[in-house]
Structures are given as structure tokens and as C-alpha cells.
């Protein structure tokens, strides 16, 4: 059974800032990689160990996304998306 991909508020606003072509690639990569088996991506460590991360390349550079899985609804909620550079520092600042 496949999972529904849902973008959180922050991920949606982050995607809006991207070039249209890059935004479509990021959305497609998230859908293609997380719809069937979102459990294949590694968990974060430390206090965010319930969240998972995915990394992928686009013509615009390396990107990362952090997401959670809602098993009861068969839904993947993407919480945070961004370029690789300073990604985890920005994520930490967002949660503070």
C-alpha cells in the first residue's frame, strides 16, 4: 500500500522560494522515493530520533528533507526542505 505525501507549512513555504523547475524536481523526488517505502530512509539521531531524512540531487544542487510517518493515516508529512548547505543548523533554528 502506498503512502500519501503531505507538505507541512514550513516545507510548503520553503518550496515556494525555489525556482519552478527545481521545485518540481524536489516534489517528484519526494513522491518517487517516499510513496512506496518511506521507512527505507534513515532516522535522525538524538532528540529528533523519531524523524527521518532523505537526501537527493537536482540540477540546482543537493537537497535534504526531514519528514515523519503517520502510520495510522498512511501519510508521510514533510516538515522541512532545503539545500544541503547549513541544512541541519537551519532545521535546529526552526525548531527553537
Protein backbone atom coordinates (compact mmCIF):
# COMPACT_ATOMS: atom_id res chain seq x y z
CA UNK A 1 0.00 0.00 0.00
CA UNK A 2 1.31 3.45 -0.85
CA UNK A 3 1.61 6.47 1.41
CA UNK A 4 0.17 9.91 0.78
CA UNK A 5 2.79 12.70 0.72
CA UNK A 6 1.76 15.84 2.58
CA UNK A 7 3.83 19.02 2.86
CA UNK A 8 3.85 20.81 6.19
CA UNK A 9 3.52 24.59 6.40
CA UNK A 10 7.26 25.23 6.64
CA UNK A 11 8.12 22.82 3.79
CA UNK A 12 5.49 24.46 1.60
CA UNK A 13 6.93 27.93 2.18
CA UNK A 14 10.46 26.65 1.56
CA UNK A 15 9.43 25.10 -1.75
CA UNK A 16 7.73 28.33 -2.86
CA UNK A 17 11.12 30.07 -2.70
CA UNK A 18 12.72 27.65 -5.17
CA UNK A 19 12.94 28.06 -8.92
CA UNK A 20 9.89 26.43 -10.57
CA UNK A 21 11.99 23.76 -12.32
CA UNK A 22 13.86 22.82 -9.12
CA UNK A 23 10.63 22.84 -7.11
CA UNK A 24 9.04 20.31 -9.47
CA UNK A 25 12.11 18.06 -9.30
CA UNK A 26 12.12 18.19 -5.49
CA UNK A 27 8.41 17.32 -5.33
CA UNK A 28 8.87 14.46 -7.80
CA UNK A 29 11.87 13.06 -5.89
CA UNK A 30 9.92 13.17 -2.62
CA UNK A 31 6.94 11.45 -4.21
CA UNK A 32 9.02 8.82 -6.04
CA UNK A 33 11.17 7.97 -3.02
CA UNK A 34 8.67 8.13 -0.17
CA UNK A 35 5.34 6.91 -1.55
CA UNK A 36 6.07 3.19 -1.50
CA UNK A 37 8.60 2.76 1.30
CA UNK A 38 9.26 5.81 3.49
CA UNK A 39 10.87 3.56 6.15
CA UNK A 40 13.97 2.99 3.98
CA UNK A 41 15.45 6.40 4.80
CA UNK A 42 17.49 6.76 8.00
CA UNK A 43 16.26 8.16 11.28
CA UNK A 44 17.86 11.28 12.71
CA UNK A 45 19.82 10.87 15.91
CA UNK A 46 19.48 12.48 19.31
CA UNK A 47 16.36 14.34 20.32
CA UNK A 48 14.93 14.13 16.79
CA UNK A 49 15.21 10.35 16.54
CA UNK A 50 11.53 9.98 15.59
CA UNK A 51 12.12 11.92 12.35
CA UNK A 52 13.64 10.67 9.11
CA UNK A 53 15.74 12.35 6.45
CA UNK A 54 16.16 11.95 2.73
CA UNK A 55 18.90 13.39 0.53
CA UNK A 56 18.79 13.83 -3.24
CA UNK A 57 20.41 15.71 -6.11
CA UNK A 58 18.89 18.17 -8.55
CA UNK A 59 20.49 20.25 -11.30
CA UNK A 60 20.37 23.10 -8.77
CA UNK A 61 22.40 21.23 -6.14
CA UNK A 62 21.99 18.84 -3.24
CA UNK A 63 18.80 18.96 -1.20
CA UNK A 64 17.56 17.41 2.02
CA UNK A 65 14.14 16.86 3.56
CA UNK A 66 13.04 15.85 7.04
CA UNK A 67 9.77 14.01 7.46
CA UNK A 68 7.67 11.94 9.80
CA UNK A 69 5.46 8.95 9.06
CA UNK A 70 1.86 8.78 10.26
CA UNK A 71 1.15 5.06 10.07
CA UNK A 72 -2.47 5.39 11.18
CA UNK A 73 -3.26 7.52 8.11
CA UNK A 74 -0.62 6.02 5.75
CA UNK A 75 0.78 9.52 5.35
CA UNK A 76 4.27 10.99 5.09
CA UNK A 77 4.45 14.57 6.37
CA UNK A 78 7.42 16.52 5.03
CA UNK A 79 8.36 19.05 7.69
CA UNK A 80 11.45 20.78 6.35
CA UNK A 81 13.13 21.04 2.92
CA UNK A 82 16.29 22.84 1.91
CA UNK A 83 19.65 22.92 0.24
CA UNK A 84 22.38 20.81 1.83
CA UNK A 85 24.45 23.77 2.97
CA UNK A 86 23.63 24.59 6.61
CA UNK A 87 20.52 22.40 6.40
CA UNK A 88 20.71 20.98 9.93
CA UNK A 89 21.61 24.33 11.50
CA UNK A 90 18.55 25.89 9.85
CA UNK A 91 16.39 22.98 10.97
CA UNK A 92 17.61 23.36 14.55
CA UNK A 93 16.93 27.12 14.43
CA UNK A 94 13.44 26.47 13.03
CA UNK A 95 12.60 24.17 15.95
CA UNK A 96 13.99 26.56 18.58
